[in-house]
Amino acid sequence: MSDGDLSKRFYRSFVEEGRLKTPIGQLEFTRSCQIIDRFLTPNAVVLDVGGATGPYSF
């Protein structure tokens, strides 16, 4: 099975729209924000390509 097949199977196993509202999704979001805060400078310019309108876009 290729990596592409694996990722398709993974994303088909749940509804992406509500994923970050689950307990594990909230943990993922919180940890991602911590990592992003660690590496971005206060005046950083971020290009969000393909991020859609979900929580990470804010």
C-alpha atoms as a PDB file:
ATOM      1  CA  MET A   1       0.000   0.000   0.000  1.00  0.00           C
ATOM      2  CA  SER A   2       1.442   3.386  -0.967  1.00  0.00           C
ATOM      3  CA  ASP A   3       1.655   6.411   1.336  1.00  0.00           C
ATOM      4  CA  GLY A   4      -1.062   8.094  -0.742  1.00  0.00           C
ATOM      5  CA  ASP A   5      -3.400   5.150  -0.225  1.00  0.00           C
ATOM      6  CA  LEU A   6      -2.696   5.170   3.494  1.00  0.00           C
ATOM      7  CA  SER A   7      -3.469   8.862   3.875  1.00  0.00           C
ATOM      8  CA  LYS A   8      -6.685   8.524   1.839  1.00  0.00           C
ATOM      9  CA  ARG A   9      -7.765   5.633   4.057  1.00  0.00           C
ATOM     10  CA  PHE A  10      -6.929   7.635   7.177  1.00  0.00           C
ATOM     11  CA  TYR A  11      -8.916  10.709   6.127  1.00  0.00           C
ATOM     12  CA  ARG A  12     -11.905   8.608   5.059  1.00  0.00           C
ATOM     13  CA  SER A  13     -12.113   7.075   8.543  1.00  0.00           C
ATOM     14  CA  PHE A  14     -13.646  10.216  10.108  1.00  0.00           C
ATOM     15  CA  VAL A  15     -15.399  13.464   9.261  1.00  0.00           C
ATOM     16  CA  GLU A  16     -12.594  16.043   8.975  1.00  0.00           C
ATOM     17  CA  GLU A  17     -14.920  18.956   9.728  1.00  0.00           C
ATOM     18  CA  GLY A  18     -15.410  17.869  13.347  1.00  0.00           C
ATOM     19  CA  ARG A  19     -12.088  16.133  13.957  1.00  0.00           C
ATOM     20  CA  LEU A  20     -10.530  18.948  15.989  1.00  0.00           C
ATOM     21  CA  LYS A  21     -13.555  18.990  18.304  1.00  0.00           C
ATOM     22  CA  THR A  22     -12.731  15.505  19.596  1.00  0.00           C
ATOM     23  CA  PRO A  23     -10.474  15.151  22.673  1.00  0.00           C
ATOM     24  CA  ILE A  24      -7.507  13.898  20.633  1.00  0.00           C
ATOM     25  CA  GLY A  25      -8.159  16.593  18.022  1.00  0.00           C
ATOM     26  CA  GLN A  26      -8.115  19.286  20.709  1.00  0.00           C
ATOM     27  CA  LEU A  27      -4.792  17.929  21.961  1.00  0.00           C
ATOM     28  CA  GLU A  28      -3.410  17.995  18.399  1.00  0.00           C
ATOM     29  CA  PHE A  29      -4.576  21.590  17.899  1.00  0.00           C
ATOM     30  CA  THR A  30      -3.150  22.795  21.219  1.00  0.00           C
ATOM     31  CA  ARG A  31       0.213  21.126  20.600  1.00  0.00           C
ATOM     32  CA  SER A  32       0.371  22.426  17.031  1.00  0.00           C
ATOM     33  CA  CYS A  33      -0.257  25.974  18.281  1.00  0.00           C
ATOM     34  CA  GLN A  34       2.556  25.591  20.846  1.00  0.00           C
ATOM     35  CA  ILE A  35       4.989  24.461  18.149  1.00  0.00           C
ATOM     36  CA  ILE A  36       3.950  27.243  15.775  1.00  0.00           C
ATOM     37  CA  ASP A  37       4.325  29.866  18.543  1.00  0.00           C
ATOM     38  CA  ARG A  38       7.815  28.592  19.314  1.00  0.00           C
ATOM     39  CA  PHE A  39       9.109  29.128  15.787  1.00  0.00           C
ATOM     40  CA  LEU A  40       7.245  32.198  14.501  1.00  0.00           C
ATOM     41  CA  THR A  41       8.578  35.648  15.185  1.00  0.00           C
ATOM     42  CA  PRO A  42       6.104  38.347  16.312  1.00  0.00           C
ATOM     43  CA  ASN A  43       5.963  40.050  12.898  1.00  0.00           C
ATOM     44  CA  ALA A  44       6.107  36.900  10.775  1.00  0.00           C
ATOM     45  CA  VAL A  45       4.206  36.744   7.514  1.00  0.00           C
ATOM     46  CA  VAL A  46       2.533  33.396   6.924  1.00  0.00           C
ATOM     47  CA  LEU A  47       1.310  32.104   3.594  1.00  0.00           C
ATOM     48  CA  ASP A  48      -1.510  29.632   4.232  1.00  0.00           C
ATOM     49  CA  VAL A  49      -1.793  27.510   1.097  1.00  0.00           C
ATOM     50  CA  GLY A  50      -4.638  25.014   1.102  1.00  0.00           C
ATOM     51  CA  GLY A  51      -5.535  25.536   4.751  1.00  0.00           C
ATOM     52  CA  ALA A  52      -9.237  26.003   4.030  1.00  0.00           C
ATOM     53  CA  THR A  53     -11.405  27.721   6.651  1.00  0.00           C
ATOM     54  CA  GLY A  54     -10.796  25.477   9.630  1.00  0.00           C
ATOM     55  CA  PRO A  55      -9.392  26.377  13.062  1.00  0.00           C
ATOM     56  CA  TYR A  56      -5.788  26.386  11.829  1.00  0.00           C
ATOM     57  CA  SER A  57      -6.569  29.226   9.420  1.00  0.00           C
ATOM     58  CA  PHE A  58      -7.037  31.565  12.364  1.00  0.00           C
END
